[in-house]
Amino acid sequence: MARIVDNPQLAFRLARAIVSDIALYNQNKVQEGIEHDNIFDLLNDELQEGLDHFLARVSTDIANRETLFNRAIVDVMIKQAGRIKSPIW
């Protein structure tokens, strides 16, 4: 069994790695979701699975664990998709 992460910086790195994998394996959905402003609908199942995995690996002693995961979504998936034409920007 994987060890529980109890350091906020390491937890954020884990979140970024999970989101990076989601983005990598779902590149078409990311592009379509950004283009049509429905990325969270298209990737709902994948993001929920990633969040569940993240929460299972990160100590409950870390405050705002879900916020770390959400920040990783923005940093890894949304910001990097800035080159995609979209009504969002």
PDB file of N, CA and C in Angstrom:
ATOM      1  N   MET A   1       0.833  -1.180   0.000  1.00  0.00           N
ATOM      2  CA  MET A   1       0.000   0.000   0.000  1.00  0.00           C
ATOM      3  C   MET A   1       0.880   1.246   0.000  1.00  0.00           C
ATOM      4  N   ALA A   2       0.471   2.249  -0.751  1.00  0.00           N
ATOM      5  CA  ALA A   2       1.229   3.503  -0.839  1.00  0.00           C
ATOM      6  C   ALA A   2       1.148   4.255   0.488  1.00  0.00           C
ATOM      7  N   ARG A   3       2.221   4.954   0.797  1.00  0.00           N
ATOM      8  CA  ARG A   3       2.221   5.701   2.055  1.00  0.00           C
ATOM      9  C   ARG A   3       1.358   6.937   1.934  1.00  0.00           C
ATOM     10  N   ILE A   4       0.846   7.390   3.055  1.00  0.00           N
ATOM     11  CA  ILE A   4      -0.003   8.579   3.111  1.00  0.00           C
ATOM     12  C   ILE A   4       0.889   9.822   3.122  1.00  0.00           C
ATOM     13  N   VAL A   5       0.563  10.761   2.256  1.00  0.00           N
ATOM     14  CA  VAL A   5       1.315  12.010   2.148  1.00  0.00           C
ATOM     15  C   VAL A   5       0.811  12.959   3.226  1.00  0.00           C
ATOM     16  N   ASP A   6       1.739  13.465   4.038  1.00  0.00           N
ATOM     17  CA  ASP A   6       1.340  14.375   5.117  1.00  0.00           C
ATOM     18  C   ASP A   6       2.002  15.746   5.010  1.00  0.00           C
ATOM     19  N   ASN A   7       2.644  16.009   3.884  1.00  0.00           N
ATOM     20  CA  ASN A   7       3.304  17.285   3.644  1.00  0.00           C
ATOM     21  C   ASN A   7       2.515  18.030   2.552  1.00  0.00           C
ATOM     22  N   PRO A   8       2.068  19.257   2.817  1.00  0.00           N
ATOM     23  CA  PRO A   8       1.256  19.978   1.830  1.00  0.00           C
ATOM     24  C   PRO A   8       1.951  20.175   0.479  1.00  0.00           C
ATOM     25  N   GLN A   9       3.259  20.418   0.501  1.00  0.00           N
ATOM     26  CA  GLN A   9       3.969  20.606  -0.768  1.00  0.00           C
ATOM     27  C   GLN A   9       4.004  19.310  -1.578  1.00  0.00           C
ATOM     28  N   LEU A  10       4.232  18.201  -0.894  1.00  0.00           N
ATOM     29  CA  LEU A  10       4.226  16.908  -1.579  1.00  0.00           C
ATOM     30  C   LEU A  10       2.817  16.544  -2.043  1.00  0.00           C
ATOM     31  N   ALA A  11       1.822  16.925  -1.264  1.00  0.00           N
ATOM     32  CA  ALA A  11       0.439  16.669  -1.661  1.00  0.00           C
ATOM     33  C   ALA A  11       0.096  17.436  -2.935  1.00  0.00           C
ATOM     34  N   PHE A  12       0.570  18.668  -3.028  1.00  0.00           N
ATOM     35  CA  PHE A  12       0.311  19.457  -4.230  1.00  0.00           C
ATOM     36  C   PHE A  12       1.032  18.850  -5.433  1.00  0.00           C
ATOM     37  N   ARG A  13       2.239  18.364  -5.223  1.00  0.00           N
ATOM     38  CA  ARG A  13       2.961  17.696  -6.316  1.00  0.00           C
ATOM     39  C   ARG A  13       2.219  16.445  -6.768  1.00  0.00           C
ATOM     40  N   LEU A  14       1.672  15.701  -5.821  1.00  0.00           N
ATOM     41  CA  LEU A  14       0.878  14.520  -6.165  1.00  0.00           C
ATOM     42  C   LEU A  14      -0.348  14.925  -6.973  1.00  0.00           C
ATOM     43  N   ALA A  15      -1.030  15.981  -6.538  1.00  0.00           N
ATOM     44  CA  ALA A  15      -2.213  16.467  -7.257  1.00  0.00           C
ATOM     45  C   ALA A  15      -1.848  16.856  -8.680  1.00  0.00           C
ATOM     46  N   ARG A  16      -0.744  17.558  -8.844  1.00  0.00           N
ATOM     47  CA  ARG A  16      -0.300  17.967 -10.184  1.00  0.00           C
ATOM     48  C   ARG A  16       0.014  16.747 -11.051  1.00  0.00           C
ATOM     49  N   ALA A  17       0.610  15.722 -10.476  1.00  0.00           N
ATOM     50  CA  ALA A  17       0.928  14.506 -11.236  1.00  0.00           C
ATOM     51  C   ALA A  17      -0.348  13.795 -11.674  1.00  0.00           C
ATOM     52  N   ILE A  18      -1.314  13.718 -10.787  1.00  0.00           N
ATOM     53  CA  ILE A  18      -2.589  13.063 -11.118  1.00  0.00           C
ATOM     54  C   ILE A  18      -3.293  13.824 -12.226  1.00  0.00           C
ATOM     55  N   VAL A  19      -3.379  15.141 -12.095  1.00  0.00           N
ATOM     56  CA  VAL A  19      -4.057  15.955 -13.109  1.00  0.00           C
ATOM     57  C   VAL A  19      -3.294  15.911 -14.432  1.00  0.00           C
ATOM     58  N   SER A  20      -1.986  15.881 -14.356  1.00  0.00           N
ATOM     59  CA  SER A  20      -1.179  15.780 -15.568  1.00  0.00           C
ATOM     60  C   SER A  20      -1.494  14.486 -16.319  1.00  0.00           C
ATOM     61  N   ASP A  21      -1.621  13.394 -15.594  1.00  0.00           N
ATOM     62  CA  ASP A  21      -1.988  12.122 -16.225  1.00  0.00           C
ATOM     63  C   ASP A  21      -3.376  12.196 -16.857  1.00  0.00           C
ATOM     64  N   ILE A  22      -4.314  12.802 -16.154  1.00  0.00           N
ATOM     65  CA  ILE A  22      -5.674  12.947 -16.694  1.00  0.00           C
ATOM     66  C   ILE A  22      -5.623  13.736 -17.998  1.00  0.00           C
ATOM     67  N   ALA A  23      -4.895  14.848 -17.992  1.00  0.00           N
ATOM     68  CA  ALA A  23      -4.788  15.682 -19.195  1.00  0.00           C
ATOM     69  C   ALA A  23      -4.099  14.931 -20.331  1.00  0.00           C
ATOM     70  N   LEU A  24      -3.050  14.190 -20.003  1.00  0.00           N
ATOM     71  CA  LEU A  24      -2.292  13.461 -21.017  1.00  0.00           C
ATOM     72  C   LEU A  24      -3.147  12.394 -21.698  1.00  0.00           C
ATOM     73  N   TYR A  25      -3.899  11.645 -20.911  1.00  0.00           N
ATOM     74  CA  TYR A  25      -4.684  10.541 -21.464  1.00  0.00           C
ATOM     75  C   TYR A  25      -6.029  10.979 -22.025  1.00  0.00           C
ATOM     76  N   ASN A  26      -6.352  12.250 -21.881  1.00  0.00           N
ATOM     77  CA  ASN A  26      -7.634  12.771 -22.368  1.00  0.00           C
ATOM     78  C   ASN A  26      -7.439  14.065 -23.148  1.00  0.00           C
ATOM     79  N   GLN A  27      -6.410  14.118 -23.977  1.00  0.00           N
ATOM     80  CA  GLN A  27      -6.067  15.340 -24.693  1.00  0.00           C
ATOM     81  C   GLN A  27      -7.224  15.837 -25.563  1.00  0.00           C
ATOM     82  N   ASN A  28      -7.923  14.939 -26.211  1.00  0.00           N
ATOM     83  CA  ASN A  28      -9.038  15.355 -27.069  1.00  0.00           C
ATOM     84  C   ASN A  28     -10.164  15.968 -26.258  1.00  0.00           C
ATOM     85  N   LYS A  29     -10.467  15.363 -25.109  1.00  0.00           N
ATOM     86  CA  LYS A  29     -11.514  15.912 -24.249  1.00  0.00           C
ATOM     87  C   LYS A  29     -11.113  17.280 -23.694  1.00  0.00           C
ATOM     88  N   VAL A  30      -9.846  17.433 -23.347  1.00  0.00           N
ATOM     89  CA  VAL A  30      -9.367  18.725 -22.844  1.00  0.00           C
ATOM     90  C   VAL A  30      -9.555  19.781 -23.919  1.00  0.00           C
ATOM     91  N   GLN A  31      -9.119  19.472 -25.125  1.00  0.00           N
ATOM     92  CA  GLN A  31      -9.242  20.445 -26.214  1.00  0.00           C
ATOM     93  C   GLN A  31     -10.712  20.786 -26.470  1.00  0.00           C
ATOM     94  N   GLU A  32     -11.542  19.766 -26.597  1.00  0.00           N
ATOM     95  CA  GLU A  32     -12.965  20.004 -26.849  1.00  0.00           C
ATOM     96  C   GLU A  32     -13.606  20.773 -25.696  1.00  0.00           C
ATOM     97  N   GLY A  33     -13.250  20.412 -24.482  1.00  0.00           N
ATOM     98  CA  GLY A  33     -13.818  21.078 -23.311  1.00  0.00           C
ATOM     99  C   GLY A  33     -13.446  22.544 -23.215  1.00  0.00           C
ATOM    100  N   ILE A  34     -12.206  22.867 -23.571  1.00  0.00           N
ATOM    101  CA  ILE A  34     -11.784  24.267 -23.579  1.00  0.00           C
ATOM    102  C   ILE A  34     -12.480  25.013 -24.709  1.00  0.00           C
ATOM    103  N   GLU A  35     -12.509  24.400 -25.889  1.00  0.00           N
ATOM    104  CA  GLU A  35     -13.133  25.054 -27.048  1.00  0.00           C
ATOM    105  C   GLU A  35     -14.613  25.352 -26.814  1.00  0.00           C
ATOM    106  N   HIS A  36     -15.299  24.464 -26.103  1.00  0.00           N
ATOM    107  CA  HIS A  36     -16.750  24.616 -25.916  1.00  0.00           C
ATOM    108  C   HIS A  36     -17.144  25.003 -24.488  1.00  0.00           C
ATOM    109  N   ASP A  37     -16.152  25.337 -23.661  1.00  0.00           N
ATOM    110  CA  ASP A  37     -16.388  25.773 -22.287  1.00  0.00           C
ATOM    111  C   ASP A  37     -17.203  24.758 -21.489  1.00  0.00           C
ATOM    112  N   ASN A  38     -16.878  23.473 -21.654  1.00  0.00           N
ATOM    113  CA  ASN A  38     -17.555  22.443 -20.865  1.00  0.00           C
ATOM    114  C   ASN A  38     -16.567  21.372 -20.394  1.00  0.00           C
ATOM    115  N   ILE A  39     -15.347  21.791 -20.122  1.00  0.00           N
ATOM    116  CA  ILE A  39     -14.292  20.849 -19.758  1.00  0.00           C
ATOM    117  C   ILE A  39     -14.638  20.043 -18.510  1.00  0.00           C
ATOM    118  N   PHE A  40     -15.273  20.674 -17.537  1.00  0.00           N
ATOM    119  CA  PHE A  40     -15.586  19.963 -16.302  1.00  0.00           C
ATOM    120  C   PHE A  40     -16.703  18.951 -16.505  1.00  0.00           C
ATOM    121  N   ASP A  41     -17.596  19.216 -17.427  1.00  0.00           N
ATOM    122  CA  ASP A  41     -18.625  18.232 -17.758  1.00  0.00           C
ATOM    123  C   ASP A  41     -18.004  17.041 -18.488  1.00  0.00           C
ATOM    124  N   LEU A  42     -17.151  17.312 -19.462  1.00  0.00           N
ATOM    125  CA  LEU A  42     -16.543  16.243 -20.255  1.00  0.00           C
ATOM    126  C   LEU A  42     -15.609  15.361 -19.430  1.00  0.00           C
ATOM    127  N   LEU A  43     -14.911  15.963 -18.485  1.00  0.00           N
ATOM    128  CA  LEU A  43     -13.936  15.216 -17.689  1.00  0.00           C
ATOM    129  C   LEU A  43     -14.419  14.915 -16.277  1.00  0.00           C
ATOM    130  N   ASN A  44     -15.706  15.005 -16.050  1.00  0.00           N
ATOM    131  CA  ASN A  44     -16.245  14.813 -14.710  1.00  0.00           C
ATOM    132  C   ASN A  44     -15.810  13.483 -14.094  1.00  0.00           C
ATOM    133  N   ASP A  45     -15.993  12.389 -14.820  1.00  0.00           N
ATOM    134  CA  ASP A  45     -15.649  11.069 -14.273  1.00  0.00           C
ATOM    135  C   ASP A  45     -14.156  10.942 -14.000  1.00  0.00           C
ATOM    136  N   GLU A  46     -13.342  11.395 -14.938  1.00  0.00           N
ATOM    137  CA  GLU A  46     -11.899  11.298 -14.787  1.00  0.00           C
ATOM    138  C   GLU A  46     -11.395  12.159 -13.627  1.00  0.00           C
ATOM    139  N   LEU A  47     -11.932  13.381 -13.517  1.00  0.00           N
ATOM    140  CA  LEU A  47     -11.511  14.268 -12.432  1.00  0.00           C
ATOM    141  C   LEU A  47     -11.975  13.736 -11.077  1.00  0.00           C
ATOM    142  N   GLN A  48     -13.165  13.153 -11.029  1.00  0.00           N
ATOM    143  CA  GLN A  48     -13.649  12.588  -9.772  1.00  0.00           C
ATOM    144  C   GLN A  48     -12.797  11.391  -9.359  1.00  0.00           C
ATOM    145  N   GLU A  49     -12.445  10.559 -10.317  1.00  0.00           N
ATOM    146  CA  GLU A  49     -11.573   9.421 -10.022  1.00  0.00           C
ATOM    147  C   GLU A  49     -10.203   9.907  -9.536  1.00  0.00           C
ATOM    148  N   GLY A  50      -9.674  10.952 -10.171  1.00  0.00           N
ATOM    149  CA  GLY A  50      -8.407  11.525  -9.746  1.00  0.00           C
ATOM    150  C   GLY A  50      -8.492  12.110  -8.350  1.00  0.00           C
ATOM    151  N   LEU A  51      -9.563  12.815  -8.071  1.00  0.00           N
ATOM    152  CA  LEU A  51      -9.756  13.396  -6.735  1.00  0.00           C
ATOM    153  C   LEU A  51      -9.872  12.295  -5.689  1.00  0.00           C
ATOM    154  N   ASP A  52     -10.628  11.263  -5.991  1.00  0.00           N
ATOM    155  CA  ASP A  52     -10.768  10.152  -5.036  1.00  0.00           C
ATOM    156  C   ASP A  52      -9.411   9.519  -4.733  1.00  0.00           C
ATOM    157  N   HIS A  53      -8.606   9.317  -5.765  1.00  0.00           N
ATOM    158  CA  HIS A  53      -7.269   8.751  -5.583  1.00  0.00           C
ATOM    159  C   HIS A  53      -6.412   9.687  -4.730  1.00  0.00           C
ATOM    160  N   PHE A  54      -6.468  10.980  -5.050  1.00  0.00           N
ATOM    161  CA  PHE A  54      -5.706  11.983  -4.302  1.00  0.00           C
ATOM    162  C   PHE A  54      -6.100  11.972  -2.826  1.00  0.00           C
ATOM    163  N   LEU A  55      -7.386  12.004  -2.546  1.00  0.00           N
ATOM    164  CA  LEU A  55      -7.857  12.044  -1.157  1.00  0.00           C
ATOM    165  C   LEU A  55      -7.476  10.771  -0.394  1.00  0.00           C
ATOM    166  N   ALA A  56      -7.436   9.655  -1.106  1.00  0.00           N
ATOM    167  CA  ALA A  56      -7.039   8.407  -0.463  1.00  0.00           C
ATOM    168  C   ALA A  56      -5.559   8.391  -0.099  1.00  0.00           C
ATOM    169  N   ARG A  57      -4.766   9.160  -0.803  1.00  0.00           N
ATOM    170  CA  ARG A  57      -3.311   9.174  -0.603  1.00  0.00           C
ATOM    171  C   ARG A  57      -2.828  10.301   0.308  1.00  0.00           C
ATOM    172  N   VAL A  58      -3.696  11.284   0.601  1.00  0.00           N
ATOM    173  CA  VAL A  58      -3.272  12.470   1.351  1.00  0.00           C
ATOM    174  C   VAL A  58      -3.932  12.473   2.732  1.00  0.00           C
ATOM    175  N   SER A  59      -3.135  12.782   3.730  1.00  0.00           N
ATOM    176  CA  SER A  59      -3.601  12.811   5.115  1.00  0.00           C
ATOM    177  C   SER A  59      -4.741  13.800   5.302  1.00  0.00           C
ATOM    178  N   THR A  60      -5.693  13.414   6.129  1.00  0.00           N
ATOM    179  CA  THR A  60      -6.801  14.316   6.466  1.00  0.00           C
ATOM    180  C   THR A  60      -6.325  15.479   7.332  1.00  0.00           C
ATOM    181  N   ASP A  61      -5.099  15.403   7.827  1.00  0.00           N
ATOM    182  CA  ASP A  61      -4.538  16.503   8.627  1.00  0.00           C
ATOM    183  C   ASP A  61      -4.177  17.706   7.765  1.00  0.00           C
ATOM    184  N   ILE A  62      -4.082  17.516   6.452  1.00  0.00           N
ATOM    185  CA  ILE A  62      -3.774  18.634   5.561  1.00  0.00           C
ATOM    186  C   ILE A  62      -5.065  19.392   5.278  1.00  0.00           C
ATOM    187  N   ALA A  63      -5.066  20.656   5.687  1.00  0.00           N
ATOM    188  CA  ALA A  63      -6.256  21.490   5.498  1.00  0.00           C
ATOM    189  C   ALA A  63      -6.508  21.740   4.019  1.00  0.00           C
ATOM    190  N   ASN A  64      -7.759  21.802   3.656  1.00  0.00           N
ATOM    191  CA  ASN A  64      -8.165  22.155   2.285  1.00  0.00           C
ATOM    192  C   ASN A  64      -7.540  21.249   1.229  1.00  0.00           C
ATOM    193  N   ARG A  65      -7.574  19.961   1.454  1.00  0.00           N
ATOM    194  CA  ARG A  65      -6.986  19.017   0.490  1.00  0.00           C
ATOM    195  C   ARG A  65      -7.606  19.178  -0.896  1.00  0.00           C
ATOM    196  N   GLU A  66      -8.924  19.334  -0.956  1.00  0.00           N
ATOM    197  CA  GLU A  66      -9.581  19.471  -2.257  1.00  0.00           C
ATOM    198  C   GLU A  66      -9.140  20.739  -2.977  1.00  0.00           C
ATOM    199  N   THR A  67      -8.831  21.790  -2.227  1.00  0.00           N
ATOM    200  CA  THR A  67      -8.349  23.025  -2.835  1.00  0.00           C
ATOM    201  C   THR A  67      -7.019  22.785  -3.545  1.00  0.00           C
ATOM    202  N   LEU A  68      -6.154  21.979  -2.964  1.00  0.00           N
ATOM    203  CA  LEU A  68      -4.885  21.651  -3.618  1.00  0.00           C
ATOM    204  C   LEU A  68      -5.134  20.958  -4.952  1.00  0.00           C
ATOM    205  N   PHE A  69      -6.078  20.041  -4.972  1.00  0.00           N
ATOM    206  CA  PHE A  69      -6.389  19.331  -6.214  1.00  0.00           C
ATOM    207  C   PHE A  69      -6.971  20.295  -7.243  1.00  0.00           C
ATOM    208  N   ASN A  70      -7.868  21.169  -6.815  1.00  0.00           N
ATOM    209  CA  ASN A  70      -8.463  22.144  -7.737  1.00  0.00           C
ATOM    210  C   ASN A  70      -7.419  23.112  -8.287  1.00  0.00           C
ATOM    211  N   ARG A  71      -6.478  23.532  -7.450  1.00  0.00           N
ATOM    212  CA  ARG A  71      -5.379  24.388  -7.931  1.00  0.00           C
ATOM    213  C   ARG A  71      -4.555  23.663  -8.988  1.00  0.00           C
ATOM    214  N   ALA A  72      -4.343  22.378  -8.789  1.00  0.00           N
ATOM    215  CA  ALA A  72      -3.583  21.590  -9.762  1.00  0.00           C
ATOM    216  C   ALA A  72      -4.326  21.529 -11.096  1.00  0.00           C
ATOM    217  N   ILE A  73      -5.642  21.422 -11.061  1.00  0.00           N
ATOM    218  CA  ILE A  73      -6.429  21.422 -12.303  1.00  0.00           C
ATOM    219  C   ILE A  73      -6.189  22.714 -13.063  1.00  0.00           C
ATOM    220  N   VAL A  74      -6.244  23.818 -12.368  1.00  0.00           N
ATOM    221  CA  VAL A  74      -6.037  25.121 -13.018  1.00  0.00           C
ATOM    222  C   VAL A  74      -4.607  25.234 -13.536  1.00  0.00           C
ATOM    223  N   ASP A  75      -3.629  24.913 -12.697  1.00  0.00           N
ATOM    224  CA  ASP A  75      -2.221  25.058 -13.082  1.00  0.00           C
ATOM    225  C   ASP A  75      -1.823  24.134 -14.225  1.00  0.00           C
ATOM    226  N   VAL A  76      -2.253  22.905 -14.172  1.00  0.00           N
ATOM    227  CA  VAL A  76      -1.774  21.904 -15.119  1.00  0.00           C
ATOM    228  C   VAL A  76      -2.651  21.820 -16.362  1.00  0.00           C
ATOM    229  N   MET A  77      -3.942  21.844 -16.178  1.00  0.00           N
ATOM    230  CA  MET A  77      -4.837  21.599 -17.307  1.00  0.00           C
ATOM    231  C   MET A  77      -5.340  22.883 -17.955  1.00  0.00           C
ATOM    232  N   ILE A  78      -5.806  23.823 -17.194  1.00  0.00           N
ATOM    233  CA  ILE A  78      -6.438  25.016 -17.739  1.00  0.00           C
ATOM    234  C   ILE A  78      -5.407  26.008 -18.269  1.00  0.00           C
ATOM    235  N   LYS A  79      -4.423  26.353 -17.465  1.00  0.00           N
ATOM    236  CA  LYS A  79      -3.410  27.325 -17.911  1.00  0.00           C
ATOM    237  C   LYS A  79      -2.666  26.845 -19.143  1.00  0.00           C
ATOM    238  N   GLN A  80      -2.338  25.560 -19.183  1.00  0.00           N
ATOM    239  CA  GLN A  80      -1.593  25.038 -20.318  1.00  0.00           C
ATOM    240  C   GLN A  80      -2.452  24.960 -21.578  1.00  0.00           C
ATOM    241  N   ALA A  81      -3.756  25.025 -21.422  1.00  0.00           N
ATOM    242  CA  ALA A  81      -4.655  24.988 -22.576  1.00  0.00           C
ATOM    243  C   ALA A  81      -4.935  26.396 -23.103  1.00  0.00           C
ATOM    244  N   GLY A  82      -4.220  27.387 -22.610  1.00  0.00           N
ATOM    245  CA  GLY A  82      -4.423  28.768 -23.013  1.00  0.00           C
ATOM    246  C   GLY A  82      -4.203  29.013 -24.497  1.00  0.00           C
ATOM    247  N   ARG A  83      -3.531  28.122 -25.152  1.00  0.00           N
ATOM    248  CA  ARG A  83      -3.277  28.266 -26.592  1.00  0.00           C
ATOM    249  C   ARG A  83      -4.487  27.831 -27.436  1.00  0.00           C
ATOM    250  N   ILE A  84      -5.445  27.164 -26.810  1.00  0.00           N
ATOM    251  CA  ILE A  84      -6.620  26.675 -27.515  1.00  0.00           C
ATOM    252  C   ILE A  84      -7.648  27.795 -27.630  1.00  0.00           C
ATOM    253  N   LYS A  85      -8.145  28.021 -28.830  1.00  0.00           N
ATOM    254  CA  LYS A  85      -9.137  29.066 -29.041  1.00  0.00           C
ATOM    255  C   LYS A  85     -10.417  28.714 -28.273  1.00  0.00           C
ATOM    256  N   SER A  86     -10.903  29.698 -27.500  1.00  0.00           N
ATOM    257  CA  SER A  86     -12.043  29.431 -26.639  1.00  0.00           C
ATOM    258  C   SER A  86     -12.779  30.716 -26.272  1.00  0.00           C
ATOM    259  N   PRO A  87     -14.079  30.619 -26.039  1.00  0.00           N
ATOM    260  CA  PRO A  87     -14.815  31.778 -25.555  1.00  0.00           C
ATOM    261  C   PRO A  87     -14.476  32.138 -24.105  1.00  0.00           C
ATOM    262  N   ILE A  88     -13.774  31.226 -23.432  1.00  0.00           N
ATOM    263  CA  ILE A  88     -13.392  31.474 -22.047  1.00  0.00           C
ATOM    264  C   ILE A  88     -12.438  32.658 -21.967  1.00  0.00           C
ATOM    265  N   TRP A  89     -11.542  32.749 -22.948  1.00  0.00           N
ATOM    266  CA  TRP A  89     -10.594  33.847 -22.997  1.00  0.00           C
ATOM    267  C   TRP A  89     -10.605  34.387 -24.362  1.00  0.00           C
TER     268      TRP A  89
END
